[in-house]
Amino acid sequence: MRFASVGVGSFNDTLSLSSALGNVAVPLTGQGVVVGVPPGQQIVNVLAFYDTSVQSGQLTGQGNGNSAAGRLGALRNMIKAAGDLIASGLQADACVQLRDALNRTDGLPQPPDFVAGLAAPQLATKIRELRTSMGCPN
């Protein structure tokens, strides 16, 4: 039997069993805890946010002419590459890749950002949170 909580905290209930020998009440207790989202799933979530933001026009490439589209694609590839590194067990390399992606979304002048738009700060926050949850060094 498995306990799957509906929230955080202590839970109590009673399991009632009926048989030919009679009824038995079994007290059940469990503790619901916050479970972090694994880094591989977080990458999937970041990429989904990225794709939705690009499709809605809230995230755009930064630069002139074709360089804007190129930078937009390059940033997505950086995030995807970090996911591939995580899947291969190369956490330290993924941290470096995510740091580079963050540097291209953080709004600071150097190095220049690859993206702009209303979703750019949110994307930077999501990448920063992922790096923190992975224990990446600053």
N, C-alpha and C. Protein backbone atom coordinates (compact mmCIF):
# COMPACT_ATOMS: atom_id res chain seq x y z
N MET A 1 0.84 -1.16 0.00
CA MET A 1 0.00 0.00 0.00
C MET A 1 0.90 1.23 0.00
N ARG A 2 0.44 2.28 -0.64
CA ARG A 2 1.24 3.49 -0.78
C ARG A 2 0.46 4.69 -0.29
N PHE A 3 1.14 5.58 0.40
CA PHE A 3 0.53 6.83 0.86
C PHE A 3 0.86 7.92 -0.15
N ALA A 4 -0.15 8.55 -0.68
CA ALA A 4 0.03 9.68 -1.59
C ALA A 4 -0.79 10.84 -1.04
N SER A 5 -0.11 11.79 -0.44
CA SER A 5 -0.82 12.89 0.21
C SER A 5 -1.41 13.86 -0.81
N VAL A 6 -2.36 14.62 -0.35
CA VAL A 6 -2.95 15.67 -1.16
C VAL A 6 -2.39 17.03 -0.77
N GLY A 7 -1.42 17.04 0.12
CA GLY A 7 -0.83 18.29 0.56
C GLY A 7 0.27 18.03 1.56
N VAL A 8 0.77 19.10 2.15
CA VAL A 8 1.83 19.03 3.14
C VAL A 8 1.21 18.93 4.52
N GLY A 9 1.80 18.10 5.38
CA GLY A 9 1.32 17.98 6.76
C GLY A 9 0.99 16.55 7.13
N SER A 10 0.47 16.39 8.33
CA SER A 10 0.11 15.07 8.85
C SER A 10 -1.29 14.70 8.40
N PHE A 11 -1.46 13.43 8.09
CA PHE A 11 -2.76 12.92 7.67
C PHE A 11 -3.05 11.64 8.44
N ASN A 12 -4.29 11.48 8.84
CA ASN A 12 -4.74 10.30 9.57
C ASN A 12 -6.03 9.81 8.93
N ASP A 13 -6.21 8.50 8.91
CA ASP A 13 -7.44 7.92 8.43
C ASP A 13 -7.52 6.51 8.98
N THR A 14 -8.59 5.84 8.67
CA THR A 14 -8.79 4.46 9.13
C THR A 14 -9.14 3.61 7.93
N LEU A 15 -8.49 2.49 7.84
CA LEU A 15 -8.80 1.50 6.81
C LEU A 15 -9.69 0.45 7.45
N SER A 16 -10.88 0.28 6.90
CA SER A 16 -11.82 -0.71 7.44
C SER A 16 -11.80 -1.94 6.56
N LEU A 17 -11.51 -3.09 7.18
CA LEU A 17 -11.48 -4.36 6.46
C LEU A 17 -12.60 -5.25 6.97
N SER A 18 -13.30 -5.82 6.03
CA SER A 18 -14.38 -6.74 6.40
C SER A 18 -14.03 -8.13 5.86
N SER A 19 -14.24 -9.12 6.69
CA SER A 19 -14.01 -10.50 6.26
C SER A 19 -15.02 -11.41 6.95
N ALA A 20 -14.96 -12.65 6.62
CA ALA A 20 -15.86 -13.63 7.24
C ALA A 20 -15.58 -13.74 8.74
N LEU A 21 -14.39 -13.34 9.17
CA LEU A 21 -14.02 -13.41 10.57
C LEU A 21 -14.42 -12.17 11.35
N GLY A 22 -14.89 -11.15 10.63
CA GLY A 22 -15.30 -9.91 11.31
C GLY A 22 -14.67 -8.68 10.68
N ASN A 23 -14.93 -7.56 11.31
CA ASN A 23 -14.41 -6.28 10.82
C ASN A 23 -13.18 -5.88 11.62
N VAL A 24 -12.23 -5.26 10.90
CA VAL A 24 -11.01 -4.78 11.54
C VAL A 24 -10.79 -3.34 11.08
N ALA A 25 -10.50 -2.46 12.04
CA ALA A 25 -10.17 -1.07 11.74
C ALA A 25 -8.67 -0.89 11.92
N VAL A 26 -8.01 -0.46 10.87
CA VAL A 26 -6.56 -0.26 10.91
C VAL A 26 -6.28 1.24 10.82
N PRO A 27 -5.68 1.82 11.87
CA PRO A 27 -5.36 3.26 11.81
C PRO A 27 -4.20 3.50 10.83
N LEU A 28 -4.34 4.53 10.04
CA LEU A 28 -3.30 4.90 9.09
C LEU A 28 -2.84 6.32 9.36
N THR A 29 -1.53 6.54 9.26
CA THR A 29 -0.97 7.89 9.39
C THR A 29 0.06 8.09 8.30
N GLY A 30 0.23 9.31 7.91
CA GLY A 30 1.23 9.64 6.90
C GLY A 30 1.61 11.09 7.00
N GLN A 31 2.75 11.40 6.43
CA GLN A 31 3.25 12.77 6.44
C GLN A 31 3.45 13.21 5.01
N GLY A 32 2.71 14.24 4.58
CA GLY A 32 2.90 14.81 3.25
C GLY A 32 4.03 15.83 3.28
N VAL A 33 4.96 15.71 2.36
CA VAL A 33 6.11 16.61 2.31
C VAL A 33 6.22 17.22 0.92
N VAL A 34 6.93 18.33 0.85
CA VAL A 34 7.21 18.97 -0.43
C VAL A 34 8.33 18.18 -1.10
N VAL A 35 8.10 17.78 -2.32
CA VAL A 35 9.11 17.05 -3.09
C VAL A 35 9.53 17.95 -4.25
N GLY A 36 10.82 18.15 -4.37
CA GLY A 36 11.31 18.98 -5.45
C GLY A 36 11.14 18.32 -6.81
N VAL A 37 10.99 19.14 -7.81
CA VAL A 37 10.89 18.65 -9.18
C VAL A 37 12.29 18.29 -9.64
N PRO A 38 12.49 17.08 -10.17
CA PRO A 38 13.84 16.68 -10.63
C PRO A 38 14.33 17.61 -11.73
N PRO A 39 15.65 17.84 -11.81
CA PRO A 39 16.21 18.75 -12.80
C PRO A 39 15.79 18.42 -14.24
N GLY A 40 15.72 17.15 -14.59
CA GLY A 40 15.31 16.79 -15.95
C GLY A 40 13.91 17.29 -16.26
N GLN A 41 13.01 17.20 -15.29
CA GLN A 41 11.65 17.69 -15.50
C GLN A 41 11.62 19.21 -15.51
N GLN A 42 12.48 19.82 -14.69
CA GLN A 42 12.55 21.29 -14.69
C GLN A 42 12.99 21.82 -16.06
N ILE A 43 13.93 21.12 -16.70
CA ILE A 43 14.36 21.52 -18.05
C ILE A 43 13.18 21.44 -19.01
N VAL A 44 12.41 20.36 -18.92
CA VAL A 44 11.22 20.21 -19.76
C VAL A 44 10.28 21.38 -19.53
N ASN A 45 10.09 21.75 -18.27
CA ASN A 45 9.20 22.87 -17.93
C ASN A 45 9.73 24.20 -18.47
N VAL A 46 11.04 24.41 -18.35
CA VAL A 46 11.65 25.65 -18.86
C VAL A 46 11.49 25.72 -20.38
N LEU A 47 11.74 24.61 -21.06
CA LEU A 47 11.60 24.59 -22.52
C LEU A 47 10.15 24.82 -22.94
N ALA A 48 9.21 24.26 -22.20
CA ALA A 48 7.79 24.49 -22.51
C ALA A 48 7.44 25.97 -22.34
N PHE A 49 7.93 26.57 -21.26
CA PHE A 49 7.72 28.01 -21.05
C PHE A 49 8.34 28.81 -22.19
N TYR A 50 9.55 28.45 -22.54
CA TYR A 50 10.27 29.12 -23.63
C TYR A 50 9.45 29.05 -24.92
N ASP A 51 9.05 27.84 -25.30
CA ASP A 51 8.32 27.65 -26.55
C ASP A 51 6.99 28.41 -26.56
N THR A 52 6.26 28.34 -25.45
CA THR A 52 4.99 29.06 -25.35
C THR A 52 5.22 30.57 -25.45
N SER A 53 6.26 31.05 -24.80
CA SER A 53 6.56 32.49 -24.81
C SER A 53 6.96 32.96 -26.20
N VAL A 54 7.72 32.14 -26.93
CA VAL A 54 8.10 32.50 -28.30
C VAL A 54 6.86 32.52 -29.19
N GLN A 55 6.03 31.49 -29.07
CA GLN A 55 4.82 31.40 -29.90
C GLN A 55 3.87 32.57 -29.65
N SER A 56 3.81 33.02 -28.41
CA SER A 56 2.89 34.13 -28.07
C SER A 56 3.50 35.49 -28.37
N GLY A 57 4.77 35.52 -28.72
CA GLY A 57 5.44 36.78 -28.99
C GLY A 57 5.96 37.50 -27.76
N GLN A 58 5.87 36.85 -26.59
CA GLN A 58 6.36 37.47 -25.36
C GLN A 58 7.85 37.26 -25.14
N LEU A 59 8.46 36.44 -26.00
CA LEU A 59 9.91 36.23 -25.97
C LEU A 59 10.38 36.32 -27.42
N THR A 60 11.30 37.23 -27.67
CA THR A 60 11.79 37.44 -29.03
C THR A 60 13.31 37.43 -29.01
N GLY A 61 13.88 37.16 -30.18
CA GLY A 61 15.33 37.23 -30.31
C GLY A 61 15.78 38.67 -30.31
N GLN A 62 16.98 38.88 -29.82
CA GLN A 62 17.52 40.24 -29.75
C GLN A 62 18.65 40.35 -30.77
N GLY A 63 18.56 41.33 -31.63
CA GLY A 63 19.59 41.56 -32.64
C GLY A 63 18.98 42.03 -33.94
N ASN A 64 19.84 42.37 -34.85
CA ASN A 64 19.39 42.87 -36.15
C ASN A 64 19.25 41.72 -37.15
N GLY A 65 18.28 41.85 -38.04
CA GLY A 65 18.11 40.90 -39.13
C GLY A 65 17.98 39.47 -38.65
N ASN A 66 18.72 38.59 -39.33
CA ASN A 66 18.66 37.15 -39.01
C ASN A 66 19.31 36.81 -37.67
N SER A 67 20.12 37.72 -37.14
CA SER A 67 20.79 37.40 -35.87
C SER A 67 19.79 37.23 -34.73
N ALA A 68 18.65 37.92 -34.78
CA ALA A 68 17.63 37.78 -33.73
C ALA A 68 17.10 36.36 -33.69
N ALA A 69 16.73 35.83 -34.84
CA ALA A 69 16.23 34.45 -34.90
C ALA A 69 17.33 33.46 -34.53
N GLY A 70 18.55 33.74 -34.96
CA GLY A 70 19.68 32.86 -34.62
C GLY A 70 19.94 32.81 -33.13
N ARG A 71 19.87 33.94 -32.48
CA ARG A 71 20.09 34.00 -31.03
C ARG A 71 18.96 33.31 -30.26
N LEU A 72 17.74 33.48 -30.77
CA LEU A 72 16.60 32.82 -30.15
C LEU A 72 16.79 31.31 -30.20
N GLY A 73 17.18 30.80 -31.35
CA GLY A 73 17.43 29.36 -31.49
C GLY A 73 18.62 28.89 -30.68
N ALA A 74 19.66 29.72 -30.63
CA ALA A 74 20.86 29.35 -29.88
C ALA A 74 20.55 29.20 -28.40
N LEU A 75 19.74 30.11 -27.86
CA LEU A 75 19.39 30.03 -26.44
C LEU A 75 18.60 28.75 -26.15
N ARG A 76 17.65 28.43 -27.01
CA ARG A 76 16.89 27.19 -26.82
C ARG A 76 17.82 25.99 -26.85
N ASN A 77 18.77 26.00 -27.78
CA ASN A 77 19.73 24.90 -27.88
C ASN A 77 20.59 24.79 -26.63
N MET A 78 20.93 25.92 -26.01
CA MET A 78 21.72 25.91 -24.78
C MET A 78 20.94 25.23 -23.65
N ILE A 79 19.66 25.58 -23.54
CA ILE A 79 18.83 24.99 -22.49
C ILE A 79 18.64 23.49 -22.75
N LYS A 80 18.38 23.14 -24.00
CA LYS A 80 18.21 21.73 -24.39
C LYS A 80 19.49 20.95 -24.10
N ALA A 81 20.65 21.54 -24.43
CA ALA A 81 21.94 20.88 -24.17
C ALA A 81 22.14 20.64 -22.68
N ALA A 82 21.71 21.59 -21.84
CA ALA A 82 21.80 21.39 -20.39
C ALA A 82 20.96 20.19 -19.98
N GLY A 83 19.80 20.03 -20.57
CA GLY A 83 18.96 18.87 -20.28
C GLY A 83 19.62 17.57 -20.70
N ASP A 84 20.28 17.58 -21.85
CA ASP A 84 21.00 16.38 -22.30
C ASP A 84 22.14 16.04 -21.34
N LEU A 85 22.82 17.06 -20.85
CA LEU A 85 23.91 16.84 -19.89
C LEU A 85 23.38 16.27 -18.57
N ILE A 86 22.26 16.79 -18.11
CA ILE A 86 21.63 16.28 -16.89
C ILE A 86 21.27 14.82 -17.08
N ALA A 87 20.66 14.50 -18.22
CA ALA A 87 20.26 13.12 -18.50
C ALA A 87 21.46 12.18 -18.55
N SER A 88 22.63 12.71 -18.90
CA SER A 88 23.86 11.91 -18.96
C SER A 88 24.60 11.89 -17.64
N GLY A 89 24.04 12.54 -16.62
CA GLY A 89 24.68 12.56 -15.30
C GLY A 89 25.80 13.56 -15.18
N LEU A 90 25.89 14.49 -16.09
CA LEU A 90 26.96 15.49 -16.09
C LEU A 90 26.46 16.80 -15.51
N GLN A 91 26.16 16.77 -14.21
CA GLN A 91 25.57 17.92 -13.52
C GLN A 91 26.45 19.17 -13.60
N ALA A 92 27.75 19.02 -13.38
CA ALA A 92 28.65 20.18 -13.39
C ALA A 92 28.65 20.85 -14.76
N ASP A 93 28.68 20.05 -15.81
CA ASP A 93 28.65 20.60 -17.16
C ASP A 93 27.31 21.27 -17.44
N ALA A 94 26.24 20.67 -16.93
CA ALA A 94 24.90 21.27 -17.09
C ALA A 94 24.84 22.62 -16.38
N CYS A 95 25.47 22.71 -15.22
CA CYS A 95 25.51 23.97 -14.48
C CYS A 95 26.21 25.06 -15.30
N VAL A 96 27.30 24.71 -15.95
CA VAL A 96 28.02 25.67 -16.78
C VAL A 96 27.13 26.11 -17.95
N GLN A 97 26.48 25.15 -18.59
CA GLN A 97 25.60 25.46 -19.72
C GLN A 97 24.45 26.37 -19.28
N LEU A 98 23.88 26.08 -18.12
CA LEU A 98 22.79 26.90 -17.60
C LEU A 98 23.26 28.29 -17.18
N ARG A 99 24.49 28.38 -16.67
CA ARG A 99 25.05 29.70 -16.34
C ARG A 99 25.18 30.54 -17.60
N ASP A 100 25.66 29.91 -18.69
CA ASP A 100 25.78 30.64 -19.95
C ASP A 100 24.41 31.08 -20.47
N ALA A 101 23.41 30.21 -20.33
CA ALA A 101 22.05 30.57 -20.75
C ALA A 101 21.51 31.71 -19.89
N LEU A 102 21.77 31.64 -18.60
CA LEU A 102 21.32 32.71 -17.71
C LEU A 102 21.98 34.04 -18.07
N ASN A 103 23.26 34.00 -18.38
CA ASN A 103 23.97 35.22 -18.75
C ASN A 103 23.39 35.86 -20.02
N ARG A 104 22.70 35.06 -20.83
CA ARG A 104 22.11 35.57 -22.07
C ARG A 104 20.65 35.97 -21.90
N THR A 105 20.16 35.92 -20.65
CA THR A 105 18.76 36.29 -20.38
C THR A 105 18.61 37.25 -19.20
N ASP A 106 19.70 37.58 -18.53
CA ASP A 106 19.62 38.26 -17.23
C ASP A 106 19.40 39.77 -17.29
N GLY A 107 19.37 40.36 -18.46
CA GLY A 107 19.13 41.80 -18.56
C GLY A 107 20.35 42.67 -18.33
N LEU A 108 21.48 42.06 -18.02
CA LEU A 108 22.71 42.82 -17.82
C LEU A 108 23.38 43.07 -19.18
N PRO A 109 24.15 44.17 -19.29
CA PRO A 109 24.71 44.52 -20.59
C PRO A 109 25.77 43.54 -21.12
N GLN A 110 26.51 42.91 -20.23
CA GLN A 110 27.57 42.00 -20.68
C GLN A 110 27.42 40.63 -20.03
N PRO A 111 27.48 39.56 -20.77
CA PRO A 111 27.42 39.53 -22.23
C PRO A 111 26.02 39.91 -22.70
N PRO A 112 25.89 40.33 -23.96
CA PRO A 112 24.58 40.76 -24.45
C PRO A 112 23.54 39.64 -24.38
N ASP A 113 22.32 40.03 -24.05
CA ASP A 113 21.23 39.05 -23.99
C ASP A 113 20.86 38.58 -25.39
N PHE A 114 20.42 37.34 -25.48
CA PHE A 114 19.94 36.77 -26.74
C PHE A 114 18.45 37.00 -26.93
N VAL A 115 17.73 37.31 -25.83
CA VAL A 115 16.28 37.44 -25.91
C VAL A 115 15.82 38.73 -25.24
N ALA A 116 14.61 39.14 -25.65
CA ALA A 116 13.96 40.31 -25.07
C ALA A 116 12.47 39.98 -24.99
N GLY A 117 11.72 40.88 -24.38
CA GLY A 117 10.28 40.71 -24.30
C GLY A 117 9.81 40.53 -22.87
N LEU A 118 8.49 40.51 -22.71
CA LEU A 118 7.89 40.42 -21.38
C LEU A 118 8.27 39.14 -20.64
N ALA A 119 8.52 38.06 -21.36
CA ALA A 119 8.83 36.78 -20.72
C ALA A 119 10.30 36.60 -20.40
N ALA A 120 11.16 37.50 -20.89
CA ALA A 120 12.61 37.34 -20.67
C ALA A 120 12.98 37.31 -19.18
N PRO A 121 12.46 38.22 -18.34
CA PRO A 121 12.81 38.14 -16.91
C PRO A 121 12.30 36.85 -16.25
N GLN A 122 11.13 36.38 -16.68
CA GLN A 122 10.60 35.13 -16.13
C GLN A 122 11.48 33.95 -16.53
N LEU A 123 11.95 33.95 -17.76
CA LEU A 123 12.83 32.88 -18.22
C LEU A 123 14.12 32.88 -17.40
N ALA A 124 14.68 34.07 -17.17
CA ALA A 124 15.89 34.18 -16.35
C ALA A 124 15.64 33.63 -14.96
N THR A 125 14.49 33.95 -14.38
CA THR A 125 14.15 33.44 -13.04
C THR A 125 14.05 31.93 -13.04
N LYS A 126 13.42 31.36 -14.04
CA LYS A 126 13.29 29.90 -14.11
C LYS A 126 14.65 29.22 -14.23
N ILE A 127 15.53 29.79 -15.04
CA ILE A 127 16.88 29.22 -15.17
C ILE A 127 17.64 29.37 -13.86
N ARG A 128 17.52 30.52 -13.22
CA ARG A 128 18.20 30.75 -11.94
C ARG A 128 17.70 29.76 -10.88
N GLU A 129 16.38 29.54 -10.82
CA GLU A 129 15.81 28.59 -9.86
C GLU A 129 16.29 27.16 -10.13
N LEU A 130 16.39 26.80 -11.39
CA LEU A 130 16.89 25.48 -11.74
C LEU A 130 18.34 25.31 -11.28
N ARG A 131 19.16 26.31 -11.54
CA ARG A 131 20.56 26.25 -11.11
C ARG A 131 20.65 26.13 -9.58
N THR A 132 19.81 26.87 -8.88
CA THR A 132 19.81 26.81 -7.41
C THR A 132 19.41 25.42 -6.94
N SER A 133 18.35 24.86 -7.53
CA SER A 133 17.88 23.54 -7.10
C SER A 133 18.90 22.45 -7.38
N MET A 134 19.74 22.67 -8.40
CA MET A 134 20.79 21.70 -8.73
C MET A 134 22.04 21.89 -7.88
N GLY A 135 22.10 22.99 -7.12
CA GLY A 135 23.28 23.28 -6.30
C GLY A 135 24.44 23.80 -7.11
N CYS A 136 24.14 24.44 -8.24
CA CYS A 136 25.21 25.00 -9.09
C CYS A 136 25.91 26.15 -8.38
N PRO A 137 27.21 26.26 -8.53
CA PRO A 137 27.92 27.40 -7.95
C PRO A 137 27.59 28.67 -8.72
N ASN A 138 27.70 29.79 -8.05
CA ASN A 138 27.45 31.08 -8.73
C ASN A 138 28.52 31.29 -9.72
